[in-house]
Amino acid sequence: MEYVFVRYTGDRKVLVDEQIAGVTNKTLRVEAGHHIFALDGPEAYQPPTVERSVLNTTSEKPLVIGDFHPE
C-alpha cells in the first residue's frame, strides 16, 4: 500500500482513476503505480486532473499533491 495526501482549501472528494478514494486533507491509501487524481465538487478545478506515480511512500511521508485550485 502507498499513501497520498491531496491538499485543497476545502473538503472535496478525491477521485483516483475515476473512483472515489477519500477526501482532501486526509491521508489516502492507494496501490503502488501510476494514477490519475481529480477532485469532485460543484466547481471546476485547474488542473482538472493530476497524474503521478506513487511508490515508496509511508503514512508518515505520503506523496503530497497540492496542484488543484478553483477555476
C-alpha atoms as a PDB file:
ATOM      1  CA  MET A   1       0.000   0.000   0.000  1.00  0.00           C
ATOM      2  CA  GLU A   2       1.081   3.547  -0.766  1.00  0.00           C
ATOM      3  CA  TYR A   3      -0.061   6.841   0.744  1.00  0.00           C
ATOM      4  CA  VAL A   4      -1.177  10.138  -0.817  1.00  0.00           C
ATOM      5  CA  PHE A   5      -2.264  13.425   0.753  1.00  0.00           C
ATOM      6  CA  VAL A   6      -4.274  15.708  -1.557  1.00  0.00           C
ATOM      7  CA  ARG A   7      -4.162  19.265  -0.241  1.00  0.00           C
ATOM      8  CA  TYR A   8      -7.034  21.655  -1.012  1.00  0.00           C
ATOM      9  CA  THR A   9      -8.601  24.706   0.667  1.00  0.00           C
ATOM     10  CA  GLY A  10     -11.873  22.882   1.368  1.00  0.00           C
ATOM     11  CA  ASP A  11     -13.233  19.384   1.763  1.00  0.00           C
ATOM     12  CA  ARG A  12     -13.741  17.624  -1.575  1.00  0.00           C
ATOM     13  CA  LYS A  13     -13.987  14.011  -2.624  1.00  0.00           C
ATOM     14  CA  VAL A  14     -10.798  12.730  -4.232  1.00  0.00           C
ATOM     15  CA  LEU A  15     -11.075  10.531  -7.309  1.00  0.00           C
ATOM     16  CA  VAL A  16      -8.263   8.124  -8.061  1.00  0.00           C
ATOM     17  CA  ASP A  17      -8.559   6.591 -11.521  1.00  0.00           C
ATOM     18  CA  GLU A  18     -12.196   7.805 -11.666  1.00  0.00           C
ATOM     19  CA  GLN A  19     -13.149   6.075  -8.385  1.00  0.00           C
ATOM     20  CA  ILE A  20     -13.846   7.878  -5.100  1.00  0.00           C
ATOM     21  CA  ALA A  21     -10.913   7.125  -2.806  1.00  0.00           C
ATOM     22  CA  GLY A  22     -11.455   9.540   0.086  1.00  0.00           C
ATOM     23  CA  VAL A  23     -11.434  13.243   0.826  1.00  0.00           C
ATOM     24  CA  THR A  24      -8.947  16.082   0.603  1.00  0.00           C
ATOM     25  CA  ASN A  25      -6.674  16.938   3.524  1.00  0.00           C
ATOM     26  CA  LYS A  26      -6.604  13.331   4.778  1.00  0.00           C
ATOM     27  CA  THR A  27      -4.061  10.641   4.001  1.00  0.00           C
ATOM     28  CA  LEU A  28      -5.393   8.184   1.410  1.00  0.00           C
ATOM     29  CA  ARG A  29      -4.210   4.652   0.725  1.00  0.00           C
ATOM     30  CA  VAL A  30      -3.661   3.652  -2.910  1.00  0.00           C
ATOM     31  CA  GLU A  31      -1.982   0.810  -4.754  1.00  0.00           C
ATOM     32  CA  ALA A  32       1.565   1.420  -5.952  1.00  0.00           C
ATOM     33  CA  GLY A  33       1.773   2.638  -9.529  1.00  0.00           C
ATOM     34  CA  HIS A  34       0.675   5.406 -11.865  1.00  0.00           C
ATOM     35  CA  HIS A  35      -2.644   7.083 -11.055  1.00  0.00           C
ATOM     36  CA  ILE A  36      -4.848   9.939 -12.237  1.00  0.00           C
ATOM     37  CA  PHE A  37      -6.135  12.155  -9.417  1.00  0.00           C
ATOM     38  CA  ALA A  38      -9.120  14.518  -9.641  1.00  0.00           C
ATOM     39  CA  LEU A  39     -11.460  16.376  -7.297  1.00  0.00           C
ATOM     40  CA  ASP A  40     -15.230  16.006  -7.223  1.00  0.00           C
ATOM     41  CA  GLY A  41     -17.324  19.036  -6.428  1.00  0.00           C
ATOM     42  CA  PRO A  42     -19.632  21.746  -7.631  1.00  0.00           C
ATOM     43  CA  GLU A  43     -16.913  23.853  -9.245  1.00  0.00           C
ATOM     44  CA  ALA A  44     -14.237  23.260 -11.849  1.00  0.00           C
ATOM     45  CA  TYR A  45     -10.604  22.869 -10.884  1.00  0.00           C
ATOM     46  CA  GLN A  46      -7.306  23.698 -12.522  1.00  0.00           C
ATOM     47  CA  PRO A  47      -5.749  21.469 -13.480  1.00  0.00           C
ATOM     48  CA  PRO A  48      -8.725  19.143 -13.994  1.00  0.00           C
ATOM     49  CA  THR A  49      -6.554  16.077 -13.308  1.00  0.00           C
ATOM     50  CA  VAL A  50      -3.076  15.356 -11.966  1.00  0.00           C
ATOM     51  CA  GLU A  51      -1.066  12.278 -12.936  1.00  0.00           C
ATOM     52  CA  ARG A  52       1.503  10.873 -10.527  1.00  0.00           C
ATOM     53  CA  SER A  53       3.445   7.678  -9.965  1.00  0.00           C
ATOM     54  CA  VAL A  54       3.125   6.618  -6.345  1.00  0.00           C
ATOM     55  CA  LEU A  55       5.924   4.481  -4.948  1.00  0.00           C
ATOM     56  CA  ASN A  56       7.949   4.188  -1.735  1.00  0.00           C
ATOM     57  CA  THR A  57       5.644   6.300   0.441  1.00  0.00           C
ATOM     58  CA  THR A  58       4.705   5.798   4.081  1.00  0.00           C
ATOM     59  CA  SER A  59       1.801   7.009   6.176  1.00  0.00           C
ATOM     60  CA  GLU A  60       4.239   9.455   7.814  1.00  0.00           C
ATOM     61  CA  LYS A  61       5.651  10.598   4.432  1.00  0.00           C
ATOM     62  CA  PRO A  62       2.860  10.406   1.861  1.00  0.00           C
ATOM     63  CA  LEU A  63       3.080  11.810  -1.647  1.00  0.00           C
ATOM     64  CA  VAL A  64       1.610  15.327  -1.313  1.00  0.00           C
ATOM     65  CA  ILE A  65      -0.454  16.690  -4.202  1.00  0.00           C
ATOM     66  CA  GLY A  66      -1.220  20.385  -3.909  1.00  0.00           C
ATOM     67  CA  ASP A  67      -1.797  21.256  -7.561  1.00  0.00           C
ATOM     68  CA  PHE A  68      -5.581  21.811  -7.505  1.00  0.00           C
ATOM     69  CA  HIS A  69      -7.060  25.329  -7.454  1.00  0.00           C
ATOM     70  CA  PRO A  70     -10.597  26.605  -8.128  1.00  0.00           C
ATOM     71  CA  GLU A  71     -11.049  27.718 -11.720  1.00  0.00           C
END
